Structures are given as C-alpha cells and as structure tokens.
Amino acid sequence: MSELNVATKPDEVLDVLGEICPYPQLYTKKKLEKMAPGSVLEILTDHPPAAEETIPGYCEEMHYPFVTTKQGAVYKILVKKEAPSPKNTQSK
C-alpha cells in the first residue's frame, strides 16, 4: 500500500458541496466503484456527518486509506481505492 497524504494528487474529484446524508456517501461509493485500483479520489463536502462519519466509515469498511483536511466549512477527503483483499474473494 502506497503512502497517502494531503499532498497526494487526485485522479478524480467528486464535488458534493451542498449535499446532505446519505448522498455524499452514496455518490462516493458509486464513483469509487467505477475507478481502477490504485486511483485516488478527492471528495469535497461541507456536511460534517459525511466528512466525519459516513465516508470515513465506508473507507474503513472497504480498507481504503483516506486522509481528511478541513478549510473553513469545506472538508477535503482523499481516498485511495485499493484492490480487493484476496481473503475477501471467494473461489470455488
């Protein structure tokens, strides 16, 4: 897993400013599903529950590294989409 920090350049930006839960998390999930493993998504939100709870919770559930910064009322969340863990993949 490579380093993810506030200086990491995103591959794509998702602007969900003005949106309230559950939309920031839903849009984040849909966007990440379309992105390739190793890609970095920058999410911009001004909804504290999304930035502090729902999006970080989703990232932790998916084992995606993330970093959050805040400037004024705007949160910037960088998320790196990781490849699925082999132990989570079932083969028969």
PDB file of N, CA and C in Angstrom:
ATOM      1  N   MET A   1       0.852  -1.173   0.000  1.00  0.00           N
ATOM      2  CA  MET A   1       0.000   0.000   0.000  1.00  0.00           C
ATOM      3  C   MET A   1       0.895   1.232   0.000  1.00  0.00           C
ATOM      4  N   SER A   2       0.649   2.142  -0.917  1.00  0.00           N
ATOM      5  CA  SER A   2       1.480   3.325  -1.009  1.00  0.00           C
ATOM      6  C   SER A   2       0.986   4.411  -0.062  1.00  0.00           C
ATOM      7  N   GLU A   3       1.841   5.365   0.167  1.00  0.00           N
ATOM      8  CA  GLU A   3       1.565   6.464   1.084  1.00  0.00           C
ATOM      9  C   GLU A   3       0.465   7.364   0.517  1.00  0.00           C
ATOM     10  N   LEU A   4      -0.439   7.781   1.385  1.00  0.00           N
ATOM     11  CA  LEU A   4      -1.494   8.727   1.014  1.00  0.00           C
ATOM     12  C   LEU A   4      -1.402   9.871   2.003  1.00  0.00           C
ATOM     13  N   ASN A   5      -1.238  11.089   1.491  1.00  0.00           N
ATOM     14  CA  ASN A   5      -1.174  12.250   2.374  1.00  0.00           C
ATOM     15  C   ASN A   5      -1.852  13.438   1.715  1.00  0.00           C
ATOM     16  N   VAL A   6      -1.912  14.547   2.415  1.00  0.00           N
ATOM     17  CA  VAL A   6      -2.640  15.714   1.914  1.00  0.00           C
ATOM     18  C   VAL A   6      -2.054  16.269   0.622  1.00  0.00           C
ATOM     19  N   ALA A   7      -0.808  15.945   0.303  1.00  0.00           N
ATOM     20  CA  ALA A   7      -0.185  16.431  -0.921  1.00  0.00           C
ATOM     21  C   ALA A   7      -0.432  15.499  -2.115  1.00  0.00           C
ATOM     22  N   THR A   8      -1.057  14.349  -1.890  1.00  0.00           N
ATOM     23  CA  THR A   8      -1.327  13.400  -2.967  1.00  0.00           C
ATOM     24  C   THR A   8      -2.255  14.035  -4.000  1.00  0.00           C
ATOM     25  N   LYS A   9      -1.880  13.908  -5.261  1.00  0.00           N
ATOM     26  CA  LYS A   9      -2.705  14.453  -6.344  1.00  0.00           C
ATOM     27  C   LYS A   9      -3.805  13.458  -6.698  1.00  0.00           C
ATOM     28  N   PRO A  10      -5.066  13.915  -6.700  1.00  0.00           N
ATOM     29  CA  PRO A  10      -6.166  13.001  -7.031  1.00  0.00           C
ATOM     30  C   PRO A  10      -6.252  12.711  -8.524  1.00  0.00           C
ATOM     31  N   ASP A  11      -6.787  11.533  -8.842  1.00  0.00           N
ATOM     32  CA  ASP A  11      -7.075  11.189 -10.234  1.00  0.00           C
ATOM     33  C   ASP A  11      -8.414  11.776 -10.655  1.00  0.00           C
ATOM     34  N   GLU A  12      -9.337  11.883  -9.680  1.00  0.00           N
ATOM     35  CA  GLU A  12     -10.663  12.436  -9.958  1.00  0.00           C
ATOM     36  C   GLU A  12     -11.138  13.222  -8.744  1.00  0.00           C
ATOM     37  N   VAL A  13     -12.063  14.172  -8.984  1.00  0.00           N
ATOM     38  CA  VAL A  13     -12.629  14.988  -7.916  1.00  0.00           C
ATOM     39  C   VAL A  13     -14.142  14.810  -7.918  1.00  0.00           C
ATOM     40  N   LEU A  14     -14.701  14.613  -6.721  1.00  0.00           N
ATOM     41  CA  LEU A  14     -16.148  14.498  -6.545  1.00  0.00           C
ATOM     42  C   LEU A  14     -16.599  15.657  -5.662  1.00  0.00           C
ATOM     43  N   ASP A  15     -17.364  16.573  -6.227  1.00  0.00           N
ATOM     44  CA  ASP A  15     -17.853  17.744  -5.502  1.00  0.00           C
ATOM     45  C   ASP A  15     -19.282  17.465  -5.046  1.00  0.00           C
ATOM     46  N   VAL A  16     -19.447  17.268  -3.741  1.00  0.00           N
ATOM     47  CA  VAL A  16     -20.781  17.043  -3.176  1.00  0.00           C
ATOM     48  C   VAL A  16     -21.141  18.180  -2.207  1.00  0.00           C
ATOM     49  N   LEU A  17     -20.595  19.357  -2.466  1.00  0.00           N
ATOM     50  CA  LEU A  17     -20.910  20.519  -1.640  1.00  0.00           C
ATOM     51  C   LEU A  17     -22.402  20.799  -1.728  1.00  0.00           C
ATOM     52  N   GLY A  18     -23.032  21.057  -0.585  1.00  0.00           N
ATOM     53  CA  GLY A  18     -24.458  21.329  -0.550  1.00  0.00           C
ATOM     54  C   GLY A  18     -25.319  20.092  -0.400  1.00  0.00           C
ATOM     55  N   GLU A  19     -24.722  18.914  -0.555  1.00  0.00           N
ATOM     56  CA  GLU A  19     -25.467  17.660  -0.410  1.00  0.00           C
ATOM     57  C   GLU A  19     -25.431  17.201   1.045  1.00  0.00           C
ATOM     58  N   ILE A  20     -26.531  16.616   1.519  1.00  0.00           N
ATOM     59  CA  ILE A  20     -26.582  16.077   2.872  1.00  0.00           C
ATOM     60  C   ILE A  20     -26.730  14.565   2.818  1.00  0.00           C
ATOM     61  N   CYS A  21     -26.482  13.917   3.962  1.00  0.00           N
ATOM     62  CA  CYS A  21     -26.573  12.460   4.042  1.00  0.00           C
ATOM     63  C   CYS A  21     -27.952  11.987   3.594  1.00  0.00           C
ATOM     64  N   PRO A  22     -27.982  10.920   2.857  1.00  0.00           N
ATOM     65  CA  PRO A  22     -26.912   9.947   2.593  1.00  0.00           C
ATOM     66  C   PRO A  22     -26.168  10.185   1.288  1.00  0.00           C
ATOM     67  N   TYR A  23     -26.445  11.288   0.598  1.00  0.00           N
ATOM     68  CA  TYR A  23     -25.931  11.468  -0.760  1.00  0.00           C
ATOM     69  C   TYR A  23     -24.409  11.537  -0.880  1.00  0.00           C
ATOM     70  N   PRO A  24     -23.679  12.247  -0.011  1.00  0.00           N
ATOM     71  CA  PRO A  24     -22.217  12.246  -0.189  1.00  0.00           C
ATOM     72  C   PRO A  24     -21.613  10.845  -0.161  1.00  0.00           C
ATOM     73  N   GLN A  25     -22.057  10.002   0.760  1.00  0.00           N
ATOM     74  CA  GLN A  25     -21.523   8.641   0.815  1.00  0.00           C
ATOM     75  C   GLN A  25     -21.956   7.823  -0.398  1.00  0.00           C
ATOM     76  N   LEU A  26     -23.210   7.945  -0.795  1.00  0.00           N
ATOM     77  CA  LEU A  26     -23.695   7.181  -1.955  1.00  0.00           C
ATOM     78  C   LEU A  26     -22.929   7.560  -3.218  1.00  0.00           C
ATOM     79  N   TYR A  27     -22.732   8.865  -3.445  1.00  0.00           N
ATOM     80  CA  TYR A  27     -22.000   9.310  -4.632  1.00  0.00           C
ATOM     81  C   TYR A  27     -20.532   8.878  -4.564  1.00  0.00           C
ATOM     82  N   THR A  28     -19.961   8.902  -3.360  1.00  0.00           N
ATOM     83  CA  THR A  28     -18.581   8.454  -3.180  1.00  0.00           C
ATOM     84  C   THR A  28     -18.460   6.978  -3.539  1.00  0.00           C
ATOM     85  N   LYS A  29     -19.360   6.167  -3.024  1.00  0.00           N
ATOM     86  CA  LYS A  29     -19.339   4.723  -3.296  1.00  0.00           C
ATOM     87  C   LYS A  29     -19.466   4.447  -4.791  1.00  0.00           C
ATOM     88  N   LYS A  30     -20.422   5.102  -5.458  1.00  0.00           N
ATOM     89  CA  LYS A  30     -20.612   4.890  -6.900  1.00  0.00           C
ATOM     90  C   LYS A  30     -19.384   5.303  -7.694  1.00  0.00           C
ATOM     91  N   LYS A  31     -18.781   6.434  -7.317  1.00  0.00           N
ATOM     92  CA  LYS A  31     -17.605   6.931  -8.030  1.00  0.00           C
ATOM     93  C   LYS A  31     -16.433   5.970  -7.856  1.00  0.00           C
ATOM     94  N   LEU A  32     -16.197   5.521  -6.609  1.00  0.00           N
ATOM     95  CA  LEU A  32     -15.082   4.609  -6.359  1.00  0.00           C
ATOM     96  C   LEU A  32     -15.270   3.268  -7.054  1.00  0.00           C
ATOM     97  N   GLU A  33     -16.501   2.796  -7.168  1.00  0.00           N
ATOM     98  CA  GLU A  33     -16.758   1.522  -7.854  1.00  0.00           C
ATOM     99  C   GLU A  33     -16.316   1.576  -9.311  1.00  0.00           C
ATOM    100  N   LYS A  34     -16.368   2.761  -9.938  1.00  0.00           N
ATOM    101  CA  LYS A  34     -16.007   2.920 -11.340  1.00  0.00           C
ATOM    102  C   LYS A  34     -14.512   3.164 -11.550  1.00  0.00           C
ATOM    103  N   MET A  35     -13.798   3.460 -10.454  1.00  0.00           N
ATOM    104  CA  MET A  35     -12.382   3.790 -10.566  1.00  0.00           C
ATOM    105  C   MET A  35     -11.511   2.543 -10.466  1.00  0.00           C
ATOM    106  N   ALA A  36     -10.346   2.622 -11.073  1.00  0.00           N
ATOM    107  CA  ALA A  36      -9.397   1.497 -11.054  1.00  0.00           C
ATOM    108  C   ALA A  36      -8.674   1.434  -9.710  1.00  0.00           C
ATOM    109  N   PRO A  37      -8.301   0.227  -9.277  1.00  0.00           N
ATOM    110  CA  PRO A  37      -7.497   0.108  -8.060  1.00  0.00           C
ATOM    111  C   PRO A  37      -6.219   0.947  -8.179  1.00  0.00           C
ATOM    112  N   GLY A  38      -5.876   1.615  -7.088  1.00  0.00           N
ATOM    113  CA  GLY A  38      -4.708   2.484  -7.078  1.00  0.00           C
ATOM    114  C   GLY A  38      -5.033   3.933  -7.354  1.00  0.00           C
ATOM    115  N   SER A  39      -6.253   4.207  -7.836  1.00  0.00           N
ATOM    116  CA  SER A  39      -6.676   5.573  -8.124  1.00  0.00           C
ATOM    117  C   SER A  39      -7.019   6.308  -6.836  1.00  0.00           C
ATOM    118  N   VAL A  40      -6.862   7.631  -6.888  1.00  0.00           N
ATOM    119  CA  VAL A  40      -7.168   8.477  -5.738  1.00  0.00           C
ATOM    120  C   VAL A  40      -8.326   9.414  -6.090  1.00  0.00           C
ATOM    121  N   LEU A  41      -9.314   9.444  -5.204  1.00  0.00           N
ATOM    122  CA  LEU A  41     -10.483  10.299  -5.367  1.00  0.00           C
ATOM    123  C   LEU A  41     -10.439  11.402  -4.318  1.00  0.00           C
ATOM    124  N   GLU A  42     -10.674  12.636  -4.752  1.00  0.00           N
ATOM    125  CA  GLU A  42     -10.810  13.758  -3.826  1.00  0.00           C
ATOM    126  C   GLU A  42     -12.294  14.083  -3.705  1.00  0.00           C
ATOM    127  N   ILE A  43     -12.795  14.102  -2.479  1.00  0.00           N
ATOM    128  CA  ILE A  43     -14.201  14.411  -2.223  1.00  0.00           C
ATOM    129  C   ILE A  43     -14.264  15.748  -1.504  1.00  0.00           C
ATOM    130  N   LEU A  44     -15.103  16.642  -2.000  1.00  0.00           N
ATOM    131  CA  LEU A  44     -15.321  17.938  -1.364  1.00  0.00           C
ATOM    132  C   LEU A  44     -16.727  17.946  -0.793  1.00  0.00           C
ATOM    133  N   THR A  45     -16.834  18.189   0.511  1.00  0.00           N
ATOM    134  CA  THR A  45     -18.142  18.225   1.162  1.00  0.00           C
ATOM    135  C   THR A  45     -18.150  19.294   2.239  1.00  0.00           C
ATOM    136  N   ASP A  46     -19.337  19.832   2.502  1.00  0.00           N
ATOM    137  CA  ASP A  46     -19.496  20.788   3.594  1.00  0.00           C
ATOM    138  C   ASP A  46     -20.485  20.248   4.635  1.00  0.00           C
ATOM    139  N   HIS A  47     -20.725  18.943   4.581  1.00  0.00           N
ATOM    140  CA  HIS A  47     -21.657  18.290   5.503  1.00  0.00           C
ATOM    141  C   HIS A  47     -20.854  17.503   6.541  1.00  0.00           C
ATOM    142  N   PRO A  48     -20.728  18.029   7.778  1.00  0.00           N
ATOM    143  CA  PRO A  48     -19.884  17.373   8.780  1.00  0.00           C
ATOM    144  C   PRO A  48     -20.159  15.887   9.010  1.00  0.00           C
ATOM    145  N   PRO A  49     -21.425  15.419   9.102  1.00  0.00           N
ATOM    146  CA  PRO A  49     -21.617  13.976   9.314  1.00  0.00           C
ATOM    147  C   PRO A  49     -21.021  13.123   8.191  1.00  0.00           C
ATOM    148  N   ALA A  50     -21.072  13.615   6.959  1.00  0.00           N
ATOM    149  CA  ALA A  50     -20.494  12.867   5.842  1.00  0.00           C
ATOM    150  C   ALA A  50     -18.975  12.813   5.966  1.00  0.00           C
ATOM    151  N   ALA A  51     -18.365  13.946   6.300  1.00  0.00           N
ATOM    152  CA  ALA A  51     -16.901  14.023   6.368  1.00  0.00           C
ATOM    153  C   ALA A  51     -16.327  13.345   7.600  1.00  0.00           C
ATOM    154  N   GLU A  52     -17.078  13.339   8.687  1.00  0.00           N
ATOM    155  CA  GLU A  52     -16.555  12.829   9.950  1.00  0.00           C
ATOM    156  C   GLU A  52     -17.025  11.416  10.286  1.00  0.00           C
ATOM    157  N   GLU A  53     -18.106  10.953   9.640  1.00  0.00           N
ATOM    158  CA  GLU A  53     -18.661   9.649  10.000  1.00  0.00           C
ATOM    159  C   GLU A  53     -18.877   8.720   8.801  1.00  0.00           C
ATOM    160  N   THR A  54     -19.791   9.099   7.894  1.00  0.00           N
ATOM    161  CA  THR A  54     -20.223   8.125   6.885  1.00  0.00           C
ATOM    162  C   THR A  54     -19.155   7.792   5.845  1.00  0.00           C
ATOM    163  N   ILE A  55     -18.471   8.791   5.296  1.00  0.00           N
ATOM    164  CA  ILE A  55     -17.445   8.498   4.292  1.00  0.00           C
ATOM    165  C   ILE A  55     -16.243   7.797   4.935  1.00  0.00           C
ATOM    166  N   PRO A  56     -15.723   8.294   6.078  1.00  0.00           N
ATOM    167  CA  PRO A  56     -14.640   7.530   6.732  1.00  0.00           C
ATOM    168  C   PRO A  56     -15.057   6.109   7.113  1.00  0.00           C
ATOM    169  N   GLY A  57     -16.289   5.932   7.568  1.00  0.00           N
ATOM    170  CA  GLY A  57     -16.766   4.592   7.915  1.00  0.00           C
ATOM    171  C   GLY A  57     -16.775   3.667   6.716  1.00  0.00           C
ATOM    172  N   TYR A  58     -17.214   4.181   5.565  1.00  0.00           N
ATOM    173  CA  TYR A  58     -17.207   3.381   4.339  1.00  0.00           C
ATOM    174  C   TYR A  58     -15.772   3.020   3.944  1.00  0.00           C
ATOM    175  N   CYS A  59     -14.868   3.999   4.038  1.00  0.00           N
ATOM    176  CA  CYS A  59     -13.468   3.744   3.678  1.00  0.00           C
ATOM    177  C   CYS A  59     -12.853   2.674   4.579  1.00  0.00           C
ATOM    178  N   GLU A  60     -13.137   2.749   5.866  1.00  0.00           N
ATOM    179  CA  GLU A  60     -12.610   1.745   6.796  1.00  0.00           C
ATOM    180  C   GLU A  60     -13.174   0.365   6.487  1.00  0.00           C
ATOM    181  N   GLU A  61     -14.464   0.308   6.176  1.00  0.00           N
ATOM    182  CA  GLU A  61     -15.114  -0.962   5.834  1.00  0.00           C
ATOM    183  C   GLU A  61     -14.480  -1.591   4.595  1.00  0.00           C
ATOM    184  N   MET A  62     -14.125  -0.752   3.624  1.00  0.00           N
ATOM    185  CA  MET A  62     -13.546  -1.235   2.368  1.00  0.00           C
ATOM    186  C   MET A  62     -12.021  -1.353   2.427  1.00  0.00           C
ATOM    187  N   HIS A  63     -11.423  -0.944   3.534  1.00  0.00           N
ATOM    188  CA  HIS A  63      -9.965  -0.948   3.709  1.00  0.00           C
ATOM    189  C   HIS A  63      -9.282  -0.014   2.718  1.00  0.00           C
ATOM    190  N   TYR A  64      -9.918   1.142   2.452  1.00  0.00           N
ATOM    191  CA  TYR A  64      -9.334   2.172   1.595  1.00  0.00           C
ATOM    192  C   TYR A  64      -8.659   3.206   2.484  1.00  0.00           C
ATOM    193  N   PRO A  65      -7.379   3.488   2.268  1.00  0.00           N
ATOM    194  CA  PRO A  65      -6.731   4.555   3.030  1.00  0.00           C
ATOM    195  C   PRO A  65      -7.364   5.897   2.676  1.00  0.00           C
ATOM    196  N   PHE A  66      -7.477   6.776   3.664  1.00  0.00           N
ATOM    197  CA  PHE A  66      -8.038   8.098   3.413  1.00  0.00           C
ATOM    198  C   PHE A  66      -7.406   9.103   4.349  1.00  0.00           C
ATOM    199  N   VAL A  67      -7.478  10.364   3.953  1.00  0.00           N
ATOM    200  CA  VAL A  67      -7.000  11.460   4.788  1.00  0.00           C
ATOM    201  C   VAL A  67      -7.986  12.620   4.608  1.00  0.00           C
ATOM    202  N   THR A  68      -8.326  13.269   5.721  1.00  0.00           N
ATOM    203  CA  THR A  68      -9.303  14.355   5.697  1.00  0.00           C
ATOM    204  C   THR A  68      -8.659  15.647   6.182  1.00  0.00           C
ATOM    205  N   THR A  69      -8.913  16.726   5.459  1.00  0.00           N
ATOM    206  CA  THR A  69      -8.500  18.051   5.903  1.00  0.00           C
ATOM    207  C   THR A  69      -9.726  18.954   5.845  1.00  0.00           C
ATOM    208  N   LYS A  70      -9.661  20.064   6.588  1.00  0.00           N
ATOM    209  CA  LYS A  70     -10.786  20.998   6.609  1.00  0.00           C
ATOM    210  C   LYS A  70     -10.250  22.410   6.489  1.00  0.00           C
ATOM    211  N   GLN A  71     -10.878  23.170   5.591  1.00  0.00           N
ATOM    212  CA  GLN A  71     -10.546  24.578   5.450  1.00  0.00           C
ATOM    213  C   GLN A  71     -11.850  25.352   5.471  1.00  0.00           C
ATOM    214  N   GLY A  72     -12.063  26.114   6.534  1.00  0.00           N
ATOM    215  CA  GLY A  72     -13.341  26.790   6.706  1.00  0.00           C
ATOM    216  C   GLY A  72     -14.419  25.745   6.916  1.00  0.00           C
ATOM    217  N   ALA A  73     -15.471  25.817   6.115  1.00  0.00           N
ATOM    218  CA  ALA A  73     -16.579  24.861   6.224  1.00  0.00           C
ATOM    219  C   ALA A  73     -16.438  23.684   5.268  1.00  0.00           C
ATOM    220  N   VAL A  74     -15.369  23.673   4.478  1.00  0.00           N
ATOM    221  CA  VAL A  74     -15.210  22.644   3.445  1.00  0.00           C
ATOM    222  C   VAL A  74     -14.198  21.586   3.878  1.00  0.00           C
ATOM    223  N   TYR A  75     -14.645  20.340   3.800  1.00  0.00           N
ATOM    224  CA  TYR A  75     -13.784  19.186   4.054  1.00  0.00           C
ATOM    225  C   TYR A  75     -13.274  18.665   2.725  1.00  0.00           C
ATOM    226  N   LYS A  76     -12.009  18.266   2.713  1.00  0.00           N
ATOM    227  CA  LYS A  76     -11.428  17.601   1.540  1.00  0.00           C
ATOM    228  C   LYS A  76     -10.979  16.233   2.022  1.00  0.00           C
ATOM    229  N   ILE A  77     -11.526  15.201   1.405  1.00  0.00           N
ATOM    230  CA  ILE A  77     -11.183  13.831   1.767  1.00  0.00           C
ATOM    231  C   ILE A  77     -10.516  13.176   0.562  1.00  0.00           C
ATOM    232  N   LEU A  78      -9.305  12.688   0.762  1.00  0.00           N
ATOM    233  CA  LEU A  78      -8.614  11.931  -0.278  1.00  0.00           C
ATOM    234  C   LEU A  78      -8.739  10.458   0.061  1.00  0.00           C
ATOM    235  N   VAL A  79      -9.189   9.674  -0.916  1.00  0.00           N
ATOM    236  CA  VAL A  79      -9.398   8.241  -0.730  1.00  0.00           C
ATOM    237  C   VAL A  79      -8.647   7.501  -1.834  1.00  0.00           C
ATOM    238  N   LYS A  80      -7.876   6.496  -1.420  1.00  0.00           N
ATOM    239  CA  LYS A  80      -7.202   5.647  -2.410  1.00  0.00           C
ATOM    240  C   LYS A  80      -7.940   4.324  -2.496  1.00  0.00           C
ATOM    241  N   LYS A  81      -8.402   4.019  -3.701  1.00  0.00           N
ATOM    242  CA  LYS A  81      -9.082   2.743  -3.910  1.00  0.00           C
ATOM    243  C   LYS A  81      -8.043   1.643  -3.971  1.00  0.00           C
ATOM    244  N   GLU A  82      -8.158   0.719  -3.061  1.00  0.00           N
ATOM    245  CA  GLU A  82      -7.251  -0.423  -3.020  1.00  0.00           C
ATOM    246  C   GLU A  82      -7.895  -1.603  -3.740  1.00  0.00           C
ATOM    247  N   ALA A  83      -7.062  -2.514  -4.231  1.00  0.00           N
ATOM    248  CA  ALA A  83      -7.565  -3.748  -4.832  1.00  0.00           C
ATOM    249  C   ALA A  83      -8.225  -4.578  -3.740  1.00  0.00           C
ATOM    250  N   PRO A  84      -9.232  -5.368  -4.088  1.00  0.00           N
ATOM    251  CA  PRO A  84      -9.867  -6.222  -3.088  1.00  0.00           C
ATOM    252  C   PRO A  84      -8.857  -7.177  -2.462  1.00  0.00           C
ATOM    253  N   SER A  85      -8.996  -7.409  -1.188  1.00  0.00           N
ATOM    254  CA  SER A  85      -8.125  -8.334  -0.473  1.00  0.00           C
ATOM    255  C   SER A  85      -8.404  -9.760  -0.938  1.00  0.00           C
ATOM    256  N   PRO A  86      -7.366 -10.563  -1.175  1.00  0.00           N
ATOM    257  CA  PRO A  86      -7.593 -11.945  -1.612  1.00  0.00           C
ATOM    258  C   PRO A  86      -8.414 -12.749  -0.601  1.00  0.00           C
ATOM    259  N   LYS A  87      -8.280 -12.447   0.681  1.00  0.00           N
ATOM    260  CA  LYS A  87      -9.038 -13.211   1.678  1.00  0.00           C
ATOM    261  C   LYS A  87     -10.536 -12.896   1.632  1.00  0.00           C
ATOM    262  N   ASN A  88     -10.907 -11.768   1.009  1.00  0.00           N
ATOM    263  CA  ASN A  88     -12.319 -11.420   0.858  1.00  0.00           C
ATOM    264  C   ASN A  88     -12.915 -11.968  -0.425  1.00  0.00           C
ATOM    265  N   THR A  89     -12.076 -12.522  -1.271  1.00  0.00           N
ATOM    266  CA  THR A  89     -12.532 -13.073  -2.545  1.00  0.00           C
ATOM    267  C   THR A  89     -12.702 -14.581  -2.385  1.00  0.00           C
ATOM    268  N   GLN A  90     -13.863 -15.053  -2.723  1.00  0.00           N
ATOM    269  CA  GLN A  90     -14.122 -16.491  -2.606  1.00  0.00           C
ATOM    270  C   GLN A  90     -13.904 -17.145  -3.971  1.00  0.00           C
ATOM    271  N   SER A  91     -13.205 -18.262  -3.952  1.00  0.00           N
ATOM    272  CA  SER A  91     -13.037 -19.033  -5.191  1.00  0.00           C
ATOM    273  C   SER A  91     -13.542 -20.441  -4.939  1.00  0.00           C
ATOM    274  N   LYS A  92     -14.203 -20.976  -5.934  1.00  0.00           N
ATOM    275  CA  LYS A  92     -14.770 -22.330  -5.784  1.00  0.00           C
ATOM    276  C   LYS A  92     -14.319 -23.189  -6.934  1.00  0.00           C
TER     277      LYS A  92
END
